[in-house]
Amino acid sequence: MLGRAWKDTRNHLYHYFYKEDLTLEQNIKGRPPGITADHWRWFLDYRNSKETKEKCRKNVENQSKQLYTHTGGSKSLARLEEEEERIVEIEQHDESSRLLSQNDSLAQVLGKEHPGRVRGMGIGPTTSQVFGTNSSQSSIGTQREETQRVLLELQAELAAEKLKRKAMEDEVAAEKLKRKAVKDEVAAEKTKRQAVEDEVAAGKVRMQAMESALICLLQG
């Protein structure tokens, strides 16, 4: 559920903030609030790469295809693509996270390594031969990878929350402006009525003065 929510959040931020008619630097300047320029640059480079676009295209096609049987059960090809995409994102973000152990995120998703084969490298050396067996390096790499993943998730959630709050604040501000316009209109109407009443009162005073003057002339 968390992976799906995170993927949806990324898609929302990408489609909301990324403008194809702008340059990369212009898009970085217009990045979501709460996300650093370096993280946004990496995300755009990854999202706009040919490999990622091809993955997205295949994901759409694979959704309608049969299930792929895996040693841990049955998973759809689209689901496998999604899990691999998450791993690629983490590893591309920080090369040091490639020092992985048998219990790393890749092993948890795709299962333990097979003798004489490394995932993504075909037939050849084992994972331990390529990446080393130092458990402390594996632990540090895994912790760093997890920290970066959580950081990106929190930044994306924060940006989405700020957008939501900004929309609410704009709505409240618009409502206040509307109410103020109504109050100003009522006040203007009261002022207009008061002016009419003052004019009527002044007219009465003039009429009384004229009546008094006429009486004086008649009595004289």
N, C-alpha and C. Protein backbone atom coordinates (compact mmCIF):
# COMPACT_ATOMS: atom_id res chain seq x y z
N MET A 1 0.82 -1.20 0.00
CA MET A 1 0.00 0.00 0.00
C MET A 1 0.86 1.26 0.00
N LEU A 2 1.95 1.22 0.84
CA LEU A 2 2.82 2.39 0.91
C LEU A 2 3.51 2.63 -0.41
N GLY A 3 3.97 1.51 -1.06
CA GLY A 3 4.63 1.67 -2.36
C GLY A 3 3.69 2.25 -3.40
N ARG A 4 2.44 1.78 -3.40
CA ARG A 4 1.46 2.30 -4.36
C ARG A 4 1.17 3.77 -4.10
N ALA A 5 1.01 4.14 -2.80
CA ALA A 5 0.74 5.55 -2.47
C ALA A 5 1.91 6.43 -2.86
N TRP A 6 3.14 5.92 -2.63
CA TRP A 6 4.34 6.69 -2.97
C TRP A 6 4.43 6.87 -4.49
N LYS A 7 4.12 5.80 -5.24
CA LYS A 7 4.17 5.89 -6.70
C LYS A 7 3.13 6.88 -7.21
N ASP A 8 1.93 6.83 -6.64
CA ASP A 8 0.88 7.77 -7.05
C ASP A 8 1.29 9.21 -6.76
N THR A 9 1.93 9.40 -5.59
CA THR A 9 2.38 10.75 -5.21
C THR A 9 3.43 11.26 -6.19
N ARG A 10 4.37 10.38 -6.56
CA ARG A 10 5.40 10.78 -7.54
C ARG A 10 4.78 11.16 -8.87
N ASN A 11 3.84 10.33 -9.33
CA ASN A 11 3.19 10.63 -10.60
C ASN A 11 2.46 11.97 -10.54
N HIS A 12 1.79 12.21 -9.41
CA HIS A 12 1.06 13.48 -9.26
C HIS A 12 2.02 14.66 -9.31
N LEU A 13 3.12 14.59 -8.56
CA LEU A 13 4.08 15.70 -8.53
C LEU A 13 4.71 15.90 -9.91
N TYR A 14 5.04 14.79 -10.58
CA TYR A 14 5.68 14.90 -11.90
C TYR A 14 4.75 15.58 -12.90
N HIS A 15 3.52 15.11 -12.99
CA HIS A 15 2.59 15.67 -13.97
C HIS A 15 2.13 17.07 -13.59
N TYR A 16 2.15 17.41 -12.30
CA TYR A 16 1.69 18.73 -11.87
C TYR A 16 2.78 19.79 -12.07
N PHE A 17 4.05 19.43 -11.78
CA PHE A 17 5.11 20.43 -11.81
C PHE A 17 5.96 20.40 -13.08
N TYR A 18 6.08 19.24 -13.72
CA TYR A 18 6.96 19.16 -14.88
C TYR A 18 6.26 19.70 -16.13
N LYS A 19 6.94 20.63 -16.82
CA LYS A 19 6.42 21.23 -18.05
C LYS A 19 7.36 20.87 -19.20
N GLU A 20 6.83 20.18 -20.20
CA GLU A 20 7.67 19.73 -21.31
C GLU A 20 8.22 20.88 -22.14
N ASP A 21 7.52 22.02 -22.15
CA ASP A 21 7.97 23.14 -22.96
C ASP A 21 9.06 23.97 -22.27
N LEU A 22 9.42 23.60 -21.03
CA LEU A 22 10.47 24.32 -20.31
C LEU A 22 11.76 23.51 -20.31
N THR A 23 12.89 24.19 -20.09
CA THR A 23 14.17 23.51 -20.00
C THR A 23 14.28 22.79 -18.66
N LEU A 24 15.31 21.95 -18.55
CA LEU A 24 15.51 21.22 -17.29
C LEU A 24 15.73 22.19 -16.14
N GLU A 25 16.57 23.21 -16.36
CA GLU A 25 16.85 24.17 -15.29
C GLU A 25 15.60 24.94 -14.89
N GLN A 26 14.77 25.29 -15.87
CA GLN A 26 13.52 25.99 -15.55
C GLN A 26 12.59 25.09 -14.75
N ASN A 27 12.55 23.81 -15.09
CA ASN A 27 11.71 22.87 -14.34
C ASN A 27 12.24 22.68 -12.93
N ILE A 28 13.56 22.71 -12.77
CA ILE A 28 14.14 22.56 -11.43
C ILE A 28 13.79 23.77 -10.57
N LYS A 29 13.83 24.96 -11.17
CA LYS A 29 13.45 26.16 -10.42
C LYS A 29 11.98 26.11 -10.00
N GLY A 30 11.16 25.46 -10.81
CA GLY A 30 9.73 25.37 -10.49
C GLY A 30 9.39 24.09 -9.75
N ARG A 31 10.36 23.51 -9.04
CA ARG A 31 10.15 22.23 -8.33
C ARG A 31 9.16 22.40 -7.18
N PRO A 32 8.62 21.28 -6.68
CA PRO A 32 7.67 21.33 -5.56
C PRO A 32 8.34 21.88 -4.31
N PRO A 33 7.61 22.58 -3.47
CA PRO A 33 8.18 23.07 -2.21
C PRO A 33 8.53 21.90 -1.31
N GLY A 34 9.68 22.01 -0.63
CA GLY A 34 10.09 20.96 0.29
C GLY A 34 11.01 19.93 -0.33
N ILE A 35 11.25 19.99 -1.65
CA ILE A 35 12.13 19.05 -2.33
C ILE A 35 13.35 19.81 -2.84
N THR A 36 14.56 19.29 -2.53
CA THR A 36 15.77 19.98 -2.92
C THR A 36 15.98 19.93 -4.43
N ALA A 37 16.80 20.85 -4.92
CA ALA A 37 17.07 20.91 -6.36
C ALA A 37 17.76 19.64 -6.84
N ASP A 38 18.70 19.11 -6.02
CA ASP A 38 19.41 17.90 -6.43
C ASP A 38 18.47 16.70 -6.54
N HIS A 39 17.56 16.55 -5.57
CA HIS A 39 16.61 15.43 -5.62
C HIS A 39 15.68 15.56 -6.82
N TRP A 40 15.22 16.78 -7.08
CA TRP A 40 14.29 16.98 -8.20
C TRP A 40 15.00 16.76 -9.53
N ARG A 41 16.27 17.20 -9.63
CA ARG A 41 17.05 16.99 -10.86
C ARG A 41 17.23 15.49 -11.11
N TRP A 42 17.59 14.75 -10.05
CA TRP A 42 17.75 13.30 -10.20
C TRP A 42 16.43 12.65 -10.63
N PHE A 43 15.33 13.06 -10.00
CA PHE A 43 14.03 12.46 -10.31
C PHE A 43 13.64 12.73 -11.77
N LEU A 44 13.86 13.98 -12.24
CA LEU A 44 13.51 14.30 -13.63
C LEU A 44 14.40 13.56 -14.61
N ASP A 45 15.70 13.46 -14.30
CA ASP A 45 16.61 12.71 -15.18
C ASP A 45 16.18 11.26 -15.28
N TYR A 46 15.81 10.69 -14.13
CA TYR A 46 15.37 9.30 -14.14
C TYR A 46 14.04 9.14 -14.87
N ARG A 47 13.09 10.02 -14.55
CA ARG A 47 11.74 9.88 -15.12
C ARG A 47 11.74 10.09 -16.63
N ASN A 48 12.62 10.96 -17.14
CA ASN A 48 12.63 11.28 -18.57
C ASN A 48 13.62 10.42 -19.36
N SER A 49 14.26 9.47 -18.70
CA SER A 49 15.20 8.61 -19.43
C SER A 49 14.45 7.65 -20.34
N LYS A 50 15.14 7.19 -21.39
CA LYS A 50 14.51 6.26 -22.33
C LYS A 50 14.13 4.96 -21.63
N GLU A 51 14.99 4.52 -20.69
CA GLU A 51 14.72 3.26 -20.00
C GLU A 51 13.43 3.34 -19.19
N THR A 52 13.24 4.47 -18.48
CA THR A 52 12.04 4.61 -17.66
C THR A 52 10.79 4.70 -18.52
N LYS A 53 10.88 5.47 -19.61
CA LYS A 53 9.72 5.59 -20.49
C LYS A 53 9.34 4.24 -21.09
N GLU A 54 10.38 3.43 -21.40
CA GLU A 54 10.11 2.11 -21.94
C GLU A 54 9.46 1.22 -20.87
N LYS A 55 9.91 1.35 -19.62
CA LYS A 55 9.30 0.59 -18.53
C LYS A 55 7.84 0.96 -18.37
N CYS A 56 7.54 2.25 -18.43
CA CYS A 56 6.15 2.70 -18.29
C CYS A 56 5.29 2.12 -19.41
N ARG A 57 5.85 2.10 -20.61
CA ARG A 57 5.10 1.55 -21.74
C ARG A 57 4.84 0.06 -21.54
N LYS A 58 5.86 -0.65 -21.09
CA LYS A 58 5.71 -2.09 -20.87
C LYS A 58 4.73 -2.38 -19.73
N ASN A 59 4.75 -1.52 -18.69
CA ASN A 59 3.83 -1.73 -17.57
C ASN A 59 2.38 -1.72 -18.03
N VAL A 60 2.09 -0.81 -18.95
CA VAL A 60 0.72 -0.73 -19.46
C VAL A 60 0.36 -2.00 -20.22
N GLU A 61 1.31 -2.50 -21.01
CA GLU A 61 1.06 -3.71 -21.78
C GLU A 61 0.94 -4.94 -20.87
N ASN A 62 1.80 -4.98 -19.84
CA ASN A 62 1.85 -6.17 -18.98
C ASN A 62 0.64 -6.32 -18.08
N GLN A 63 -0.08 -5.24 -17.85
CA GLN A 63 -1.24 -5.32 -16.98
C GLN A 63 -2.30 -6.28 -17.50
N SER A 64 -2.31 -6.45 -18.81
CA SER A 64 -3.31 -7.33 -19.41
C SER A 64 -2.77 -8.73 -19.72
N LYS A 65 -1.51 -8.99 -19.34
CA LYS A 65 -0.91 -10.28 -19.64
C LYS A 65 -1.06 -11.26 -18.48
N GLN A 66 -0.70 -12.50 -18.72
CA GLN A 66 -0.85 -13.54 -17.70
C GLN A 66 0.12 -13.35 -16.56
N LEU A 67 -0.13 -14.05 -15.45
CA LEU A 67 0.72 -13.96 -14.28
C LEU A 67 2.03 -14.69 -14.52
N TYR A 68 3.08 -14.16 -13.91
CA TYR A 68 4.40 -14.77 -14.00
C TYR A 68 4.68 -15.51 -12.70
N THR A 69 4.96 -16.80 -12.78
CA THR A 69 5.17 -17.61 -11.58
C THR A 69 6.55 -17.36 -11.02
N HIS A 70 6.58 -17.03 -9.72
CA HIS A 70 7.82 -16.73 -9.02
C HIS A 70 7.96 -17.73 -7.88
N THR A 71 9.20 -17.95 -7.40
CA THR A 71 9.42 -18.94 -6.35
C THR A 71 8.65 -18.61 -5.09
N GLY A 72 8.36 -17.32 -4.86
CA GLY A 72 7.63 -16.93 -3.67
C GLY A 72 6.15 -16.86 -3.91
N GLY A 73 5.66 -17.25 -5.08
CA GLY A 73 4.23 -17.16 -5.37
C GLY A 73 4.03 -16.58 -6.75
N SER A 74 2.81 -16.18 -7.04
CA SER A 74 2.49 -15.61 -8.35
C SER A 74 2.40 -14.10 -8.26
N LYS A 75 3.10 -13.43 -9.14
CA LYS A 75 3.05 -11.97 -9.22
C LYS A 75 2.85 -11.58 -10.67
N SER A 76 2.13 -10.52 -10.90
CA SER A 76 1.95 -10.06 -12.27
C SER A 76 3.23 -9.42 -12.75
N LEU A 77 3.43 -9.44 -14.05
CA LEU A 77 4.62 -8.80 -14.62
C LEU A 77 4.65 -7.32 -14.30
N ALA A 78 3.48 -6.70 -14.29
CA ALA A 78 3.42 -5.27 -13.97
C ALA A 78 3.91 -5.02 -12.55
N ARG A 79 3.54 -5.93 -11.62
CA ARG A 79 3.97 -5.79 -10.23
C ARG A 79 5.47 -5.96 -10.11
N LEU A 80 6.03 -6.92 -10.83
CA LEU A 80 7.47 -7.13 -10.81
C LEU A 80 8.19 -5.92 -11.37
N GLU A 81 7.66 -5.37 -12.46
CA GLU A 81 8.27 -4.17 -13.05
C GLU A 81 8.27 -3.03 -12.04
N GLU A 82 7.18 -2.90 -11.31
CA GLU A 82 7.07 -1.82 -10.33
C GLU A 82 8.09 -1.99 -9.22
N GLU A 83 8.26 -3.23 -8.73
CA GLU A 83 9.22 -3.48 -7.67
C GLU A 83 10.65 -3.24 -8.16
N GLU A 84 10.95 -3.66 -9.38
CA GLU A 84 12.27 -3.42 -9.93
C GLU A 84 12.52 -1.93 -10.12
N GLU A 85 11.48 -1.21 -10.51
CA GLU A 85 11.61 0.23 -10.71
C GLU A 85 11.98 0.92 -9.41
N ARG A 86 11.37 0.49 -8.30
CA ARG A 86 11.68 1.08 -7.00
C ARG A 86 13.13 0.85 -6.63
N ILE A 87 13.63 -0.35 -6.90
CA ILE A 87 15.01 -0.68 -6.58
C ILE A 87 15.97 0.13 -7.44
N VAL A 88 15.67 0.24 -8.73
CA VAL A 88 16.51 1.01 -9.65
C VAL A 88 16.60 2.46 -9.20
N GLU A 89 15.49 3.02 -8.76
CA GLU A 89 15.47 4.41 -8.30
C GLU A 89 16.42 4.60 -7.13
N ILE A 90 16.35 3.69 -6.17
CA ILE A 90 17.21 3.81 -4.99
C ILE A 90 18.67 3.68 -5.37
N GLU A 91 18.99 2.69 -6.21
CA GLU A 91 20.37 2.45 -6.57
C GLU A 91 20.93 3.56 -7.45
N GLN A 92 20.13 4.12 -8.33
CA GLN A 92 20.61 5.20 -9.19
C GLN A 92 20.82 6.48 -8.39
N HIS A 93 20.10 6.64 -7.30
CA HIS A 93 20.21 7.86 -6.50
C HIS A 93 21.55 7.94 -5.78
N ASP A 94 22.09 6.81 -5.36
CA ASP A 94 23.35 6.80 -4.62
C ASP A 94 24.12 5.54 -4.98
N GLU A 95 25.25 5.68 -5.68
CA GLU A 95 26.01 4.53 -6.12
C GLU A 95 26.51 3.71 -4.94
N SER A 96 26.73 4.35 -3.77
CA SER A 96 27.25 3.60 -2.63
C SER A 96 26.27 2.56 -2.14
N SER A 97 25.00 2.70 -2.48
CA SER A 97 24.01 1.72 -2.03
C SER A 97 24.08 0.43 -2.82
N ARG A 98 24.97 0.34 -3.78
CA ARG A 98 25.11 -0.90 -4.55
C ARG A 98 25.87 -1.97 -3.75
N LEU A 99 26.47 -1.59 -2.58
CA LEU A 99 27.13 -2.57 -1.74
C LEU A 99 26.06 -3.27 -0.93
N LEU A 100 25.42 -4.28 -1.53
CA LEU A 100 24.26 -4.94 -0.93
C LEU A 100 24.62 -6.35 -0.48
N SER A 101 23.90 -6.85 0.53
CA SER A 101 24.11 -8.20 1.03
C SER A 101 23.05 -9.14 0.51
N GLN A 102 23.10 -10.38 0.96
CA GLN A 102 22.10 -11.36 0.55
C GLN A 102 20.72 -10.96 1.04
N ASN A 103 20.63 -10.16 2.11
CA ASN A 103 19.34 -9.77 2.68
C ASN A 103 18.93 -8.36 2.28
N ASP A 104 19.51 -7.82 1.20
CA ASP A 104 19.18 -6.45 0.80
C ASP A 104 17.78 -6.40 0.18
N SER A 105 17.35 -5.19 -0.20
CA SER A 105 16.01 -5.01 -0.75
C SER A 105 15.83 -5.79 -2.05
N LEU A 106 16.90 -5.90 -2.84
CA LEU A 106 16.80 -6.63 -4.11
C LEU A 106 16.54 -8.11 -3.85
N ALA A 107 17.25 -8.67 -2.85
CA ALA A 107 17.06 -10.08 -2.53
C ALA A 107 15.67 -10.34 -1.99
N GLN A 108 15.16 -9.40 -1.20
CA GLN A 108 13.83 -9.57 -0.63
C GLN A 108 12.77 -9.58 -1.71
N VAL A 109 12.97 -8.83 -2.78
CA VAL A 109 11.98 -8.76 -3.85
C VAL A 109 12.11 -9.93 -4.82
N LEU A 110 13.35 -10.23 -5.23
CA LEU A 110 13.54 -11.22 -6.29
C LEU A 110 14.03 -12.58 -5.79
N GLY A 111 14.28 -12.70 -4.48
CA GLY A 111 14.76 -13.96 -3.95
C GLY A 111 16.27 -14.00 -3.88
N LYS A 112 16.81 -15.09 -3.26
CA LYS A 112 18.24 -15.19 -3.10
C LYS A 112 18.93 -15.42 -4.44
N GLU A 113 20.25 -15.11 -4.47
CA GLU A 113 20.99 -15.23 -5.72
C GLU A 113 21.15 -16.70 -6.11
N HIS A 114 21.34 -16.94 -7.40
CA HIS A 114 21.59 -18.28 -7.91
C HIS A 114 23.08 -18.42 -8.20
N PRO A 115 23.66 -19.60 -7.96
CA PRO A 115 25.10 -19.79 -8.20
C PRO A 115 25.48 -19.42 -9.63
N GLY A 116 26.59 -18.68 -9.74
CA GLY A 116 27.11 -18.34 -11.05
C GLY A 116 26.33 -17.29 -11.80
N ARG A 117 25.43 -16.57 -11.12
CA ARG A 117 24.63 -15.58 -11.82
C ARG A 117 24.36 -14.39 -10.91
N VAL A 118 24.44 -13.20 -11.48
CA VAL A 118 24.13 -11.96 -10.77
C VAL A 118 22.94 -11.31 -11.44
N ARG A 119 21.97 -10.87 -10.65
CA ARG A 119 20.78 -10.24 -11.22
C ARG A 119 21.18 -9.05 -12.07
N GLY A 120 20.69 -9.00 -13.30
CA GLY A 120 20.97 -7.87 -14.18
C GLY A 120 22.29 -7.99 -14.90
N MET A 121 23.12 -9.04 -14.59
CA MET A 121 24.43 -9.17 -15.23
C MET A 121 24.55 -10.49 -15.99
N GLY A 122 23.50 -11.31 -15.99
CA GLY A 122 23.52 -12.55 -16.74
C GLY A 122 24.42 -13.60 -16.10
N ILE A 123 24.84 -14.61 -16.90
CA ILE A 123 25.68 -15.69 -16.39
C ILE A 123 27.08 -15.14 -16.11
N GLY A 124 27.64 -15.50 -14.96
CA GLY A 124 28.97 -15.01 -14.65
C GLY A 124 29.24 -15.11 -13.16
N PRO A 125 29.86 -14.09 -12.56
CA PRO A 125 30.22 -14.14 -11.14
C PRO A 125 28.99 -14.08 -10.26
N THR A 126 29.15 -14.50 -9.02
CA THR A 126 28.06 -14.43 -8.04
C THR A 126 27.98 -13.03 -7.48
N THR A 127 26.90 -12.78 -6.76
CA THR A 127 26.72 -11.45 -6.17
C THR A 127 27.82 -11.14 -5.17
N SER A 128 28.19 -12.15 -4.38
CA SER A 128 29.23 -11.91 -3.37
C SER A 128 30.56 -11.57 -4.01
N GLN A 129 30.84 -12.15 -5.20
CA GLN A 129 32.09 -11.84 -5.88
C GLN A 129 32.09 -10.42 -6.43
N VAL A 130 30.94 -9.96 -6.84
CA VAL A 130 30.85 -8.62 -7.43
C VAL A 130 30.79 -7.55 -6.36
N PHE A 131 29.93 -7.75 -5.35
CA PHE A 131 29.67 -6.70 -4.38
C PHE A 131 30.47 -6.85 -3.09
N GLY A 132 31.07 -8.01 -2.87
CA GLY A 132 31.80 -8.23 -1.64
C GLY A 132 30.91 -8.82 -0.57
N THR A 133 31.53 -9.32 0.51
CA THR A 133 30.77 -10.00 1.57
C THR A 133 30.87 -9.27 2.89
N ASN A 134 31.41 -8.09 2.92
CA ASN A 134 31.57 -7.35 4.18
C ASN A 134 30.21 -6.99 4.73
N SER A 135 29.84 -7.59 5.86
CA SER A 135 28.50 -7.36 6.42
C SER A 135 28.30 -5.93 6.89
N SER A 136 29.38 -5.30 7.38
CA SER A 136 29.23 -3.92 7.85
C SER A 136 28.95 -2.98 6.69
N GLN A 137 29.63 -3.21 5.54
CA GLN A 137 29.35 -2.39 4.37
C GLN A 137 27.92 -2.59 3.90
N SER A 138 27.46 -3.83 3.94
CA SER A 138 26.08 -4.11 3.54
C SER A 138 25.10 -3.42 4.45
N SER A 139 25.38 -3.47 5.75
CA SER A 139 24.47 -2.85 6.73
C SER A 139 24.41 -1.34 6.54
N ILE A 140 25.58 -0.72 6.36
CA ILE A 140 25.63 0.73 6.16
C ILE A 140 24.92 1.11 4.87
N GLY A 141 25.19 0.33 3.80
CA GLY A 141 24.55 0.64 2.53
C GLY A 141 23.04 0.51 2.61
N THR A 142 22.58 -0.55 3.30
CA THR A 142 21.14 -0.75 3.42
C THR A 142 20.50 0.35 4.25
N GLN A 143 21.14 0.73 5.36
CA GLN A 143 20.61 1.81 6.20
C GLN A 143 20.57 3.12 5.44
N ARG A 144 21.63 3.39 4.69
CA ARG A 144 21.67 4.63 3.93
C ARG A 144 20.59 4.65 2.86
N GLU A 145 20.42 3.50 2.21
CA GLU A 145 19.38 3.37 1.18
C GLU A 145 17.99 3.60 1.78
N GLU A 146 17.74 3.00 2.94
CA GLU A 146 16.43 3.15 3.58
C GLU A 146 16.20 4.60 4.02
N THR A 147 17.26 5.23 4.54
CA THR A 147 17.13 6.63 4.97
C THR A 147 16.79 7.53 3.80
N GLN A 148 17.46 7.31 2.67
CA GLN A 148 17.18 8.13 1.49
C GLN A 148 15.77 7.90 0.97
N ARG A 149 15.32 6.63 1.01
CA ARG A 149 13.97 6.33 0.54
C ARG A 149 12.93 7.02 1.42
N VAL A 150 13.12 6.92 2.73
CA VAL A 150 12.17 7.55 3.65
C VAL A 150 12.20 9.07 3.49
N LEU A 151 13.41 9.62 3.30
CA LEU A 151 13.53 11.07 3.12
C LEU A 151 12.76 11.54 1.90
N LEU A 152 12.92 10.84 0.79
CA LEU A 152 12.20 11.21 -0.42
C LEU A 152 10.70 11.09 -0.24
N GLU A 153 10.27 10.04 0.45
CA GLU A 153 8.84 9.86 0.69
C GLU A 153 8.28 11.01 1.53
N LEU A 154 9.02 11.35 2.59
CA LEU A 154 8.57 12.43 3.47
C LEU A 154 8.54 13.77 2.73
N GLN A 155 9.56 14.00 1.90
CA GLN A 155 9.58 15.25 1.15
C GLN A 155 8.41 15.32 0.18
N ALA A 156 8.11 14.21 -0.47
CA ALA A 156 6.98 14.19 -1.40
C ALA A 156 5.66 14.38 -0.67
N GLU A 157 5.51 13.72 0.48
CA GLU A 157 4.28 13.87 1.26
C GLU A 157 4.14 15.31 1.75
N LEU A 158 5.28 15.89 2.18
CA LEU A 158 5.25 17.27 2.65
C LEU A 158 4.85 18.22 1.53
N ALA A 159 5.42 18.00 0.34
CA ALA A 159 5.08 18.85 -0.79
C ALA A 159 3.61 18.73 -1.15
N ALA A 160 3.09 17.50 -1.14
CA ALA A 160 1.67 17.31 -1.45
C ALA A 160 0.79 17.96 -0.40
N GLU A 161 1.20 17.86 0.88
CA GLU A 161 0.42 18.47 1.96
C GLU A 161 0.44 19.99 1.85
N LYS A 162 1.60 20.54 1.48
CA LYS A 162 1.69 21.99 1.31
C LYS A 162 0.81 22.47 0.16
N LEU A 163 0.77 21.69 -0.91
CA LEU A 163 -0.10 22.04 -2.04
C LEU A 163 -1.57 22.03 -1.61
N LYS A 164 -1.93 21.01 -0.84
CA LYS A 164 -3.31 20.90 -0.37
C LYS A 164 -3.65 22.07 0.55
N ARG A 165 -2.72 22.38 1.47
CA ARG A 165 -2.95 23.48 2.40
C ARG A 165 -3.02 24.81 1.66
N LYS A 166 -2.14 24.98 0.65
CA LYS A 166 -2.14 26.23 -0.13
C LYS A 166 -3.47 26.39 -0.85
N ALA A 167 -4.00 25.30 -1.39
CA ALA A 167 -5.29 25.37 -2.08
C ALA A 167 -6.40 25.77 -1.12
N MET A 168 -6.35 25.22 0.10
CA MET A 168 -7.36 25.57 1.11
C MET A 168 -7.24 27.03 1.52
N GLU A 169 -5.98 27.49 1.70
CA GLU A 169 -5.76 28.89 2.08
C GLU A 169 -6.25 29.83 0.98
N ASP A 170 -5.99 29.47 -0.27
CA ASP A 170 -6.47 30.29 -1.39
C ASP A 170 -7.99 30.34 -1.42
N GLU A 171 -8.61 29.20 -1.12
CA GLU A 171 -10.07 29.16 -1.10
C GLU A 171 -10.64 30.04 0.01
N VAL A 172 -10.00 29.98 1.19
CA VAL A 172 -10.44 30.82 2.31
C VAL A 172 -10.23 32.29 1.98
N ALA A 173 -9.07 32.61 1.37
CA ALA A 173 -8.79 34.00 1.01
C ALA A 173 -9.81 34.52 -0.01
N ALA A 174 -10.17 33.67 -0.98
CA ALA A 174 -11.16 34.06 -1.98
C ALA A 174 -12.52 34.30 -1.32
N GLU A 175 -12.87 33.47 -0.35
CA GLU A 175 -14.15 33.64 0.36
C GLU A 175 -14.15 34.93 1.17
N LYS A 176 -13.01 35.25 1.79
CA LYS A 176 -12.90 36.50 2.54
C LYS A 176 -13.05 37.71 1.62
N LEU A 177 -12.42 37.63 0.45
CA LEU A 177 -12.55 38.73 -0.51
C LEU A 177 -13.99 38.89 -0.96
N LYS A 178 -14.66 37.77 -1.15
CA LYS A 178 -16.06 37.81 -1.56
C LYS A 178 -16.92 38.45 -0.48
N ARG A 179 -16.69 38.05 0.78
CA ARG A 179 -17.44 38.64 1.89
C ARG A 179 -17.15 40.13 2.03
N LYS A 180 -15.88 40.50 1.85
CA LYS A 180 -15.52 41.92 1.95
C LYS A 180 -16.20 42.73 0.86
N ALA A 181 -16.27 42.15 -0.36
CA ALA A 181 -16.94 42.84 -1.45
C ALA A 181 -18.41 43.07 -1.13
N VAL A 182 -19.04 42.05 -0.51
CA VAL A 182 -20.45 42.20 -0.13
C VAL A 182 -20.60 43.28 0.94
N LYS A 183 -19.71 43.27 1.94
CA LYS A 183 -19.76 44.28 2.99
C LYS A 183 -19.55 45.69 2.42
N ASP A 184 -18.59 45.80 1.50
CA ASP A 184 -18.34 47.11 0.88
C ASP A 184 -19.56 47.57 0.09
N GLU A 185 -20.22 46.64 -0.57
CA GLU A 185 -21.42 46.98 -1.33
C GLU A 185 -22.54 47.45 -0.40
N VAL A 186 -22.71 46.74 0.72
CA VAL A 186 -23.72 47.14 1.71
C VAL A 186 -23.39 48.51 2.29
N ALA A 187 -22.11 48.73 2.60
CA ALA A 187 -21.70 50.03 3.14
C ALA A 187 -21.94 51.15 2.14
N ALA A 188 -21.64 50.87 0.86
CA ALA A 188 -21.87 51.88 -0.17
C ALA A 188 -23.36 52.20 -0.31
N GLU A 189 -24.19 51.17 -0.19
CA GLU A 189 -25.64 51.37 -0.27
C GLU A 189 -26.13 52.20 0.92
N LYS A 190 -25.59 51.93 2.11
CA LYS A 190 -25.95 52.73 3.29
C LYS A 190 -25.54 54.18 3.11
N THR A 191 -24.35 54.38 2.57
CA THR A 191 -23.87 55.75 2.34
C THR A 191 -24.77 56.48 1.35
N LYS A 192 -25.18 55.75 0.31
CA LYS A 192 -26.08 56.33 -0.69
C LYS A 192 -27.42 56.70 -0.07
N ARG A 193 -27.96 55.81 0.76
CA ARG A 193 -29.23 56.09 1.43
C ARG A 193 -29.10 57.29 2.36
N GLN A 194 -27.98 57.33 3.08
CA GLN A 194 -27.76 58.45 4.00
C GLN A 194 -27.69 59.77 3.24
N ALA A 195 -27.07 59.74 2.08
CA ALA A 195 -26.98 60.96 1.27
C ALA A 195 -28.37 61.41 0.82
N VAL A 196 -29.20 60.44 0.43
CA VAL A 196 -30.57 60.77 0.02
C VAL A 196 -31.35 61.34 1.20
N GLU A 197 -31.22 60.68 2.37
CA GLU A 197 -31.92 61.17 3.56
C GLU A 197 -31.45 62.58 3.94
N ASP A 198 -30.16 62.82 3.83
CA ASP A 198 -29.64 64.16 4.14
C ASP A 198 -30.19 65.19 3.17
N GLU A 199 -30.29 64.80 1.89
CA GLU A 199 -30.83 65.72 0.89
C GLU A 199 -32.30 66.02 1.16
N VAL A 200 -33.07 64.98 1.55
CA VAL A 200 -34.48 65.18 1.88
C VAL A 200 -34.62 66.10 3.09
N ALA A 201 -33.78 65.86 4.10
CA ALA A 201 -33.83 66.70 5.30
C ALA A 201 -33.49 68.15 4.96
N ALA A 202 -32.49 68.33 4.11
CA ALA A 202 -32.12 69.69 3.71
C ALA A 202 -33.25 70.35 2.94
N GLY A 203 -33.94 69.55 2.11
CA GLY A 203 -35.08 70.09 1.37
C GLY A 203 -36.20 70.54 2.30
N LYS A 204 -36.45 69.78 3.35
CA LYS A 204 -37.47 70.16 4.33
C LYS A 204 -37.10 71.47 5.02
N VAL A 205 -35.84 71.61 5.36
CA VAL A 205 -35.39 72.84 6.01
C VAL A 205 -35.59 74.04 5.09
N ARG A 206 -35.26 73.85 3.81
CA ARG A 206 -35.44 74.95 2.86
C ARG A 206 -36.92 75.32 2.72
N MET A 207 -37.77 74.27 2.66
CA MET A 207 -39.21 74.53 2.54
C MET A 207 -39.74 75.27 3.77
N GLN A 208 -39.30 74.87 4.95
CA GLN A 208 -39.72 75.55 6.17
C GLN A 208 -39.27 77.01 6.17
N ALA A 209 -38.07 77.24 5.68
CA ALA A 209 -37.56 78.62 5.62
C ALA A 209 -38.38 79.45 4.64
N MET A 210 -38.72 78.84 3.52
CA MET A 210 -39.52 79.56 2.53
C MET A 210 -40.92 79.84 3.08
N GLU A 211 -41.51 78.87 3.79
CA GLU A 211 -42.83 79.07 4.38
C GLU A 211 -42.80 80.20 5.41
N SER A 212 -41.76 80.23 6.22
CA SER A 212 -41.62 81.29 7.23
C SER A 212 -41.49 82.66 6.57
N ALA A 213 -40.70 82.70 5.49
CA ALA A 213 -40.52 83.97 4.79
C ALA A 213 -41.83 84.42 4.15
N LEU A 214 -42.60 83.49 3.60
CA LEU A 214 -43.87 83.83 2.98
C LEU A 214 -44.87 84.35 4.01
N ILE A 215 -44.90 83.73 5.18
CA ILE A 215 -45.80 84.18 6.25
C ILE A 215 -45.46 85.60 6.69
N CYS A 216 -44.16 85.85 6.79
CA CYS A 216 -43.73 87.20 7.19
C CYS A 216 -44.18 88.24 6.16
N LEU A 217 -44.07 87.91 4.88
CA LEU A 217 -44.49 88.84 3.84
C LEU A 217 -45.99 89.08 3.89
N LEU A 218 -46.76 88.02 4.11
CA LEU A 218 -48.21 88.16 4.16
C LEU A 218 -48.65 88.98 5.38
N GLN A 219 -47.98 88.81 6.48
CA GLN A 219 -48.34 89.54 7.69
C GLN A 219 -47.90 91.00 7.62
N GLY A 220 -46.86 91.22 6.84
CA GLY A 220 -46.35 92.59 6.73
C GLY A 220 -47.23 93.41 5.88
